[in-house]
């Protein structure tokens, strides 16, 4: 999914990237009361 989006953005001259520092957004724990 993100690989396909990267192609769409690059075709528009944008420079998409991913970060190794990304953690879980926290939603799973938040909705579990943690």
ModelCIF file with pLDDT and N, C-alpha, C, O atoms, coordinates in Angstrom:
data_MODEL
#
_entry.id   MODEL 
#
_entity.id                         1 
_entity.type                       polymer 
_entity.pdbx_number_of_molecules   1 
#
_entity_poly.entity_id                      1 
_entity_poly.type                           'polypeptide(L)' 
_entity_poly.nstd_linkage                   no 
_entity_poly.nstd_monomer                   no 
_entity_poly.pdbx_seq_one_letter_code       
;(UNK)(UNK)(UNK)(UNK)(UNK)(UNK)(UNK)(UNK)(UNK)(UNK)(UNK)(UNK)(UNK)(UNK)(UNK)(UNK)
(UNK)(UNK)(UNK)(UNK)(UNK)(UNK)(UNK)(UNK)(UNK)(UNK)(UNK)(UNK)(UNK)(UNK)(UNK)(UNK)
(UNK)(UNK)
;
_entity_poly.pdbx_seq_one_letter_code_can   XXXXXXXXXXXXXXXXXXXXXXXXXXXXXXXXXX 
_entity_poly.pdbx_strand_id                 A 
#
loop_
_entity_poly_seq.entity_id 
_entity_poly_seq.num 
_entity_poly_seq.mon_id 
_entity_poly_seq.hetero 
1 1  UNK n 
1 2  UNK n 
1 3  UNK n 
1 4  UNK n 
1 5  UNK n 
1 6  UNK n 
1 7  UNK n 
1 8  UNK n 
1 9  UNK n 
1 10 UNK n 
1 11 UNK n 
1 12 UNK n 
1 13 UNK n 
1 14 UNK n 
1 15 UNK n 
1 16 UNK n 
1 17 UNK n 
1 18 UNK n 
1 19 UNK n 
1 20 UNK n 
1 21 UNK n 
1 22 UNK n 
1 23 UNK n 
1 24 UNK n 
1 25 UNK n 
1 26 UNK n 
1 27 UNK n 
1 28 UNK n 
1 29 UNK n 
1 30 UNK n 
1 31 UNK n 
1 32 UNK n 
1 33 UNK n 
1 34 UNK n 
#
_struct_asym.id          A 
_struct_asym.entity_id   1 
#
loop_
_ma_qa_metric.id 
_ma_qa_metric.mode 
_ma_qa_metric.name 
_ma_qa_metric.software_group_id 
_ma_qa_metric.type 
1 global pLDDT . pLDDT 
2 local  pLDDT . pLDDT 
#
_ma_qa_metric_global.metric_id      1 
_ma_qa_metric_global.metric_value   94.38 
_ma_qa_metric_global.model_id       1 
_ma_qa_metric_global.ordinal_id     1 
#
loop_
_ma_qa_metric_local.label_asym_id 
_ma_qa_metric_local.label_comp_id 
_ma_qa_metric_local.label_seq_id 
_ma_qa_metric_local.metric_id 
_ma_qa_metric_local.metric_value 
_ma_qa_metric_local.model_id 
_ma_qa_metric_local.ordinal_id 
A UNK 1  2 95.00 1 1  
A UNK 2  2 95.00 1 2  
A UNK 3  2 94.00 1 3  
A UNK 4  2 95.00 1 4  
A UNK 5  2 96.00 1 5  
A UNK 6  2 95.00 1 6  
A UNK 7  2 94.00 1 7  
A UNK 8  2 95.00 1 8  
A UNK 9  2 95.00 1 9  
A UNK 10 2 93.00 1 10 
A UNK 11 2 92.00 1 11 
A UNK 12 2 91.00 1 12 
A UNK 13 2 90.00 1 13 
A UNK 14 2 91.00 1 14 
A UNK 15 2 91.00 1 15 
A UNK 16 2 94.00 1 16 
A UNK 17 2 94.00 1 17 
A UNK 18 2 95.00 1 18 
A UNK 19 2 95.00 1 19 
A UNK 20 2 94.00 1 20 
A UNK 21 2 96.00 1 21 
A UNK 22 2 96.00 1 22 
A UNK 23 2 95.00 1 23 
A UNK 24 2 95.00 1 24 
A UNK 25 2 97.00 1 25 
A UNK 26 2 96.00 1 26 
A UNK 27 2 96.00 1 27 
A UNK 28 2 95.00 1 28 
A UNK 29 2 95.00 1 29 
A UNK 30 2 96.00 1 30 
A UNK 31 2 94.00 1 31 
A UNK 32 2 94.00 1 32 
A UNK 33 2 94.00 1 33 
A UNK 34 2 96.00 1 34 
#
loop_
_atom_site.group_PDB 
_atom_site.id 
_atom_site.type_symbol 
_atom_site.label_atom_id 
_atom_site.label_alt_id 
_atom_site.label_comp_id 
_atom_site.label_asym_id 
_atom_site.label_entity_id 
_atom_site.label_seq_id 
_atom_site.pdbx_PDB_ins_code 
_atom_site.Cartn_x 
_atom_site.Cartn_y 
_atom_site.Cartn_z 
_atom_site.occupancy 
_atom_site.B_iso_or_equiv 
_atom_site.pdbx_formal_charge 
_atom_site.auth_seq_id 
_atom_site.auth_comp_id 
_atom_site.auth_asym_id 
_atom_site.auth_atom_id 
_atom_site.pdbx_PDB_model_num 
ATOM 1   N N  . UNK A 1 1  ? 0.837  -1.204 0.000   1.00 95.00 ? 1  UNK A N  1 
ATOM 2   C CA . UNK A 1 1  ? 0.000  0.000  0.000   1.00 95.00 ? 1  UNK A CA 1 
ATOM 3   C C  . UNK A 1 1  ? 0.874  1.257  0.000   1.00 95.00 ? 1  UNK A C  1 
ATOM 4   O O  . UNK A 1 1  ? 0.707  2.126  -0.856  1.00 95.00 ? 1  UNK A O  1 
ATOM 5   N N  . UNK A 1 2  ? 1.799  1.358  0.947   1.00 95.00 ? 2  UNK A N  1 
ATOM 6   C CA . UNK A 1 2  ? 2.667  2.538  1.000   1.00 95.00 ? 2  UNK A CA 1 
ATOM 7   C C  . UNK A 1 2  ? 3.636  2.579  -0.176  1.00 95.00 ? 2  UNK A C  1 
ATOM 8   O O  . UNK A 1 2  ? 4.001  3.658  -0.642  1.00 95.00 ? 2  UNK A O  1 
ATOM 9   N N  . UNK A 1 3  ? 4.056  1.405  -0.659  1.00 94.00 ? 3  UNK A N  1 
ATOM 10  C CA . UNK A 1 3  ? 4.938  1.376  -1.818  1.00 94.00 ? 3  UNK A CA 1 
ATOM 11  C C  . UNK A 1 3  ? 4.225  1.951  -3.039  1.00 94.00 ? 3  UNK A C  1 
ATOM 12  O O  . UNK A 1 3  ? 4.829  2.671  -3.834  1.00 94.00 ? 3  UNK A O  1 
ATOM 13  N N  . UNK A 1 4  ? 2.938  1.633  -3.185  1.00 95.00 ? 4  UNK A N  1 
ATOM 14  C CA . UNK A 1 4  ? 2.165  2.169  -4.308  1.00 95.00 ? 4  UNK A CA 1 
ATOM 15  C C  . UNK A 1 4  ? 1.997  3.683  -4.165  1.00 95.00 ? 4  UNK A C  1 
ATOM 16  O O  . UNK A 1 4  ? 2.122  4.424  -5.139  1.00 95.00 ? 4  UNK A O  1 
ATOM 17  N N  . UNK A 1 5  ? 1.714  4.129  -2.948  1.00 96.00 ? 5  UNK A N  1 
ATOM 18  C CA . UNK A 1 5  ? 1.561  5.572  -2.726  1.00 96.00 ? 5  UNK A CA 1 
ATOM 19  C C  . UNK A 1 5  ? 2.856  6.300  -3.043  1.00 96.00 ? 5  UNK A C  1 
ATOM 20  O O  . UNK A 1 5  ? 2.830  7.383  -3.629  1.00 96.00 ? 5  UNK A O  1 
ATOM 21  N N  . UNK A 1 6  ? 3.985  5.722  -2.665  1.00 95.00 ? 6  UNK A N  1 
ATOM 22  C CA . UNK A 1 6  ? 5.268  6.363  -2.946  1.00 95.00 ? 6  UNK A CA 1 
ATOM 23  C C  . UNK A 1 6  ? 5.425  6.612  -4.443  1.00 95.00 ? 6  UNK A C  1 
ATOM 24  O O  . UNK A 1 6  ? 5.919  7.662  -4.854  1.00 95.00 ? 6  UNK A O  1 
ATOM 25  N N  . UNK A 1 7  ? 5.004  5.640  -5.257  1.00 94.00 ? 7  UNK A N  1 
ATOM 26  C CA . UNK A 1 7  ? 5.075  5.822  -6.706  1.00 94.00 ? 7  UNK A CA 1 
ATOM 27  C C  . UNK A 1 7  ? 4.185  6.955  -7.183  1.00 94.00 ? 7  UNK A C  1 
ATOM 28  O O  . UNK A 1 7  ? 4.581  7.724  -8.058  1.00 94.00 ? 7  UNK A O  1 
ATOM 29  N N  . UNK A 1 8  ? 2.983  7.071  -6.619  1.00 95.00 ? 8  UNK A N  1 
ATOM 30  C CA . UNK A 1 8  ? 2.068  8.152  -6.996  1.00 95.00 ? 8  UNK A CA 1 
ATOM 31  C C  . UNK A 1 8  ? 2.655  9.514  -6.626  1.00 95.00 ? 8  UNK A C  1 
ATOM 32  O O  . UNK A 1 8  ? 2.558  10.469 -7.397  1.00 95.00 ? 8  UNK A O  1 
ATOM 33  N N  . UNK A 1 9  ? 3.266  9.597  -5.438  1.00 95.00 ? 9  UNK A N  1 
ATOM 34  C CA . UNK A 1 9  ? 3.826  10.870 -4.983  1.00 95.00 ? 9  UNK A CA 1 
ATOM 35  C C  . UNK A 1 9  ? 5.074  11.251 -5.772  1.00 95.00 ? 9  UNK A C  1 
ATOM 36  O O  . UNK A 1 9  ? 5.257  12.414 -6.131  1.00 95.00 ? 9  UNK A O  1 
ATOM 37  N N  . UNK A 1 10 ? 5.932  10.268 -6.041  1.00 93.00 ? 10 UNK A N  1 
ATOM 38  C CA . UNK A 1 10 ? 7.156  10.550 -6.794  1.00 93.00 ? 10 UNK A CA 1 
ATOM 39  C C  . UNK A 1 10 ? 6.831  11.036 -8.202  1.00 93.00 ? 10 UNK A C  1 
ATOM 40  O O  . UNK A 1 10 ? 7.544  11.876 -8.752  1.00 93.00 ? 10 UNK A O  1 
ATOM 41  N N  . UNK A 1 11 ? 5.763  10.513 -8.781  1.00 92.00 ? 11 UNK A N  1 
ATOM 42  C CA . UNK A 1 11 ? 5.360  10.954 -10.112 1.00 92.00 ? 11 UNK A CA 1 
ATOM 43  C C  . UNK A 1 11 ? 4.913  12.413 -10.104 1.00 92.00 ? 11 UNK A C  1 
ATOM 44  O O  . UNK A 1 11 ? 4.862  13.054 -11.154 1.00 92.00 ? 11 UNK A O  1 
ATOM 45  N N  . UNK A 1 12 ? 4.588  12.941 -8.917  1.00 91.00 ? 12 UNK A N  1 
ATOM 46  C CA . UNK A 1 12 ? 4.181  14.346 -8.757  1.00 91.00 ? 12 UNK A CA 1 
ATOM 47  C C  . UNK A 1 12 ? 5.328  15.211 -8.261  1.00 91.00 ? 12 UNK A C  1 
ATOM 48  O O  . UNK A 1 12 ? 5.131  16.375 -7.912  1.00 91.00 ? 12 UNK A O  1 
ATOM 49  N N  . UNK A 1 13 ? 6.523  14.642 -8.230  1.00 90.00 ? 13 UNK A N  1 
ATOM 50  C CA . UNK A 1 13 ? 7.687  15.424 -7.812  1.00 90.00 ? 13 UNK A CA 1 
ATOM 51  C C  . UNK A 1 13 ? 7.891  15.495 -6.323  1.00 90.00 ? 13 UNK A C  1 
ATOM 52  O O  . UNK A 1 13 ? 8.717  16.283 -5.863  1.00 90.00 ? 13 UNK A O  1 
ATOM 53  N N  . UNK A 1 14 ? 7.166  14.699 -5.539  1.00 91.00 ? 14 UNK A N  1 
ATOM 54  C CA . UNK A 1 14 ? 7.333  14.702 -4.091  1.00 91.00 ? 14 UNK A CA 1 
ATOM 55  C C  . UNK A 1 14 ? 8.398  13.679 -3.700  1.00 91.00 ? 14 UNK A C  1 
ATOM 56  O O  . UNK A 1 14 ? 8.738  12.796 -4.488  1.00 91.00 ? 14 UNK A O  1 
ATOM 57  N N  . UNK A 1 15 ? 8.924  13.803 -2.476  1.00 91.00 ? 15 UNK A N  1 
ATOM 58  C CA . UNK A 1 15 ? 9.986  12.915 -2.003  1.00 91.00 ? 15 UNK A CA 1 
ATOM 59  C C  . UNK A 1 15 ? 9.537  12.193 -0.733  1.00 91.00 ? 15 UNK A C  1 
ATOM 60  O O  . UNK A 1 15 ? 9.873  12.623 0.371   1.00 91.00 ? 15 UNK A O  1 
ATOM 61  N N  . UNK A 1 16 ? 8.780  11.098 -0.877  1.00 94.00 ? 16 UNK A N  1 
ATOM 62  C CA . UNK A 1 16 ? 8.313  10.358 0.296   1.00 94.00 ? 16 UNK A CA 1 
ATOM 63  C C  . UNK A 1 16 ? 9.402  9.475  0.886   1.00 94.00 ? 16 UNK A C  1 
ATOM 64  O O  . UNK A 1 16 ? 10.276 8.994  0.165   1.00 94.00 ? 16 UNK A O  1 
ATOM 65  N N  . UNK A 1 17 ? 9.347  9.262  2.207   1.00 94.00 ? 17 UNK A N  1 
ATOM 66  C CA . UNK A 1 17 ? 10.300 8.371  2.868   1.00 94.00 ? 17 UNK A CA 1 
ATOM 67  C C  . UNK A 1 17 ? 9.676  7.803  4.129   1.00 94.00 ? 17 UNK A C  1 
ATOM 68  O O  . UNK A 1 17 ? 8.654  8.297  4.606   1.00 94.00 ? 17 UNK A O  1 
ATOM 69  N N  . UNK A 1 18 ? 10.294 6.766  4.663   1.00 95.00 ? 18 UNK A N  1 
ATOM 70  C CA . UNK A 1 18 ? 9.859  6.182  5.929   1.00 95.00 ? 18 UNK A CA 1 
ATOM 71  C C  . UNK A 1 18 ? 10.991 6.318  6.939   1.00 95.00 ? 18 UNK A C  1 
ATOM 72  O O  . UNK A 1 18 ? 12.153 6.470  6.562   1.00 95.00 ? 18 UNK A O  1 
ATOM 73  N N  . UNK A 1 19 ? 10.650 6.264  8.212   1.00 95.00 ? 19 UNK A N  1 
ATOM 74  C CA . UNK A 1 19 ? 11.643 6.431  9.273   1.00 95.00 ? 19 UNK A CA 1 
ATOM 75  C C  . UNK A 1 19 ? 11.727 5.174  10.135  1.00 95.00 ? 19 UNK A C  1 
ATOM 76  O O  . UNK A 1 19 ? 10.709 4.621  10.553  1.00 95.00 ? 19 UNK A O  1 
ATOM 77  N N  . UNK A 1 20 ? 12.954 4.735  10.391  1.00 94.00 ? 20 UNK A N  1 
ATOM 78  C CA . UNK A 1 20 ? 13.172 3.578  11.259  1.00 94.00 ? 20 UNK A CA 1 
ATOM 79  C C  . UNK A 1 20 ? 12.823 3.901  12.708  1.00 94.00 ? 20 UNK A C  1 
ATOM 80  O O  . UNK A 1 20 ? 12.696 2.997  13.533  1.00 94.00 ? 20 UNK A O  1 
ATOM 81  N N  . UNK A 1 21 ? 12.667 5.181  13.019  1.00 96.00 ? 21 UNK A N  1 
ATOM 82  C CA . UNK A 1 21 ? 12.357 5.580  14.394  1.00 96.00 ? 21 UNK A CA 1 
ATOM 83  C C  . UNK A 1 21 ? 10.865 5.467  14.712  1.00 96.00 ? 21 UNK A C  1 
ATOM 84  O O  . UNK A 1 21 ? 10.465 5.645  15.863  1.00 96.00 ? 21 UNK A O  1 
ATOM 85  N N  . UNK A 1 22 ? 10.042 5.175  13.709  1.00 96.00 ? 22 UNK A N  1 
ATOM 86  C CA . UNK A 1 22 ? 8.588  5.116  13.928  1.00 96.00 ? 22 UNK A CA 1 
ATOM 87  C C  . UNK A 1 22 ? 8.215  4.009  14.900  1.00 96.00 ? 22 UNK A C  1 
ATOM 88  O O  . UNK A 1 22 ? 8.653  2.866  14.765  1.00 96.00 ? 22 UNK A O  1 
ATOM 89  N N  . UNK A 1 23 ? 7.391  4.371  15.887  1.00 95.00 ? 23 UNK A N  1 
ATOM 90  C CA . UNK A 1 23 ? 6.815  3.424  16.837  1.00 95.00 ? 23 UNK A CA 1 
ATOM 91  C C  . UNK A 1 23 ? 5.336  3.234  16.502  1.00 95.00 ? 23 UNK A C  1 
ATOM 92  O O  . UNK A 1 23 ? 4.794  3.921  15.635  1.00 95.00 ? 23 UNK A O  1 
ATOM 93  N N  . UNK A 1 24 ? 4.691  2.298  17.193  1.00 95.00 ? 24 UNK A N  1 
ATOM 94  C CA . UNK A 1 24 ? 3.239  2.173  17.097  1.00 95.00 ? 24 UNK A CA 1 
ATOM 95  C C  . UNK A 1 24 ? 2.602  3.523  17.425  1.00 95.00 ? 24 UNK A C  1 
ATOM 96  O O  . UNK A 1 24 ? 3.125  4.267  18.254  1.00 95.00 ? 24 UNK A O  1 
ATOM 97  N N  . UNK A 1 25 ? 1.485  3.842  16.787  1.00 97.00 ? 25 UNK A N  1 
ATOM 98  C CA . UNK A 1 25 ? 0.828  5.128  17.043  1.00 97.00 ? 25 UNK A CA 1 
ATOM 99  C C  . UNK A 1 25 ? 0.317  5.243  18.469  1.00 97.00 ? 25 UNK A C  1 
ATOM 100 O O  . UNK A 1 25 ? 0.109  6.348  18.968  1.00 97.00 ? 25 UNK A O  1 
ATOM 101 N N  . UNK A 1 26 ? 0.110  4.093  19.135  1.00 96.00 ? 26 UNK A N  1 
ATOM 102 C CA . UNK A 1 26 ? -0.383 4.105  20.508  1.00 96.00 ? 26 UNK A CA 1 
ATOM 103 C C  . UNK A 1 26 ? -1.856 3.819  20.639  1.00 96.00 ? 26 UNK A C  1 
ATOM 104 O O  . UNK A 1 26 ? -2.372 3.696  21.750  1.00 96.00 ? 26 UNK A O  1 
ATOM 105 N N  . UNK A 1 27 ? -2.551 3.709  19.499  1.00 96.00 ? 27 UNK A N  1 
ATOM 106 C CA . UNK A 1 27 ? -3.996 3.528  19.538  1.00 96.00 ? 27 UNK A CA 1 
ATOM 107 C C  . UNK A 1 27 ? -4.444 2.251  20.228  1.00 96.00 ? 27 UNK A C  1 
ATOM 108 O O  . UNK A 1 27 ? -5.428 2.259  20.967  1.00 96.00 ? 27 UNK A O  1 
ATOM 109 N N  . UNK A 1 28 ? -3.735 1.157  19.996  1.00 95.00 ? 28 UNK A N  1 
ATOM 110 C CA . UNK A 1 28 ? -4.126 -0.126 20.575  1.00 95.00 ? 28 UNK A CA 1 
ATOM 111 C C  . UNK A 1 28 ? -4.103 -0.067 22.092  1.00 95.00 ? 28 UNK A C  1 
ATOM 112 O O  . UNK A 1 28 ? -5.053 -0.500 22.745  1.00 95.00 ? 28 UNK A O  1 
ATOM 113 N N  . UNK A 1 29 ? -3.029 0.463  22.658  1.00 95.00 ? 29 UNK A N  1 
ATOM 114 C CA . UNK A 1 29 ? -2.922 0.578  24.112  1.00 95.00 ? 29 UNK A CA 1 
ATOM 115 C C  . UNK A 1 29 ? -3.928 1.583  24.662  1.00 95.00 ? 29 UNK A C  1 
ATOM 116 O O  . UNK A 1 29 ? -4.527 1.352  25.712  1.00 95.00 ? 29 UNK A O  1 
ATOM 117 N N  . UNK A 1 30 ? -4.116 2.702  23.954  1.00 96.00 ? 30 UNK A N  1 
ATOM 118 C CA . UNK A 1 30 ? -5.037 3.740  24.415  1.00 96.00 ? 30 UNK A CA 1 
ATOM 119 C C  . UNK A 1 30 ? -6.456 3.204  24.545  1.00 96.00 ? 30 UNK A C  1 
ATOM 120 O O  . UNK A 1 30 ? -7.141 3.482  25.529  1.00 96.00 ? 30 UNK A O  1 
ATOM 121 N N  . UNK A 1 31 ? -6.896 2.436  23.554  1.00 94.00 ? 31 UNK A N  1 
ATOM 122 C CA . UNK A 1 31 ? -8.262 1.919  23.571  1.00 94.00 ? 31 UNK A CA 1 
ATOM 123 C C  . UNK A 1 31 ? -8.435 0.738  24.514  1.00 94.00 ? 31 UNK A C  1 
ATOM 124 O O  . UNK A 1 31 ? -9.557 0.314  24.788  1.00 94.00 ? 31 UNK A O  1 
ATOM 125 N N  . UNK A 1 32 ? -7.313 0.205  25.014  1.00 94.00 ? 32 UNK A N  1 
ATOM 126 C CA . UNK A 1 32 ? -7.380 -0.879 25.992  1.00 94.00 ? 32 UNK A CA 1 
ATOM 127 C C  . UNK A 1 32 ? -7.274 -0.362 27.423  1.00 94.00 ? 32 UNK A C  1 
ATOM 128 O O  . UNK A 1 32 ? -7.250 -1.145 28.373  1.00 94.00 ? 32 UNK A O  1 
ATOM 129 N N  . UNK A 1 33 ? -7.212 0.963  27.571  1.00 94.00 ? 33 UNK A N  1 
ATOM 130 C CA . UNK A 1 33 ? -7.101 1.546  28.896  1.00 94.00 ? 33 UNK A CA 1 
ATOM 131 C C  . UNK A 1 33 ? -5.690 1.603  29.426  1.00 94.00 ? 33 UNK A C  1 
ATOM 132 O O  . UNK A 1 33 ? -5.477 1.984  30.577  1.00 94.00 ? 33 UNK A O  1 
ATOM 133 N N  . UNK A 1 34 ? -4.704 1.223  28.595  1.00 96.00 ? 34 UNK A N  1 
ATOM 134 C CA . UNK A 1 34 ? -3.297 1.271  29.003  1.00 96.00 ? 34 UNK A CA 1 
ATOM 135 C C  . UNK A 1 34 ? -2.716 2.641  28.646  1.00 96.00 ? 34 UNK A C  1 
ATOM 136 O O  . UNK A 1 34 ? -1.540 2.898  28.903  1.00 96.00 ? 34 UNK A O  1 
#
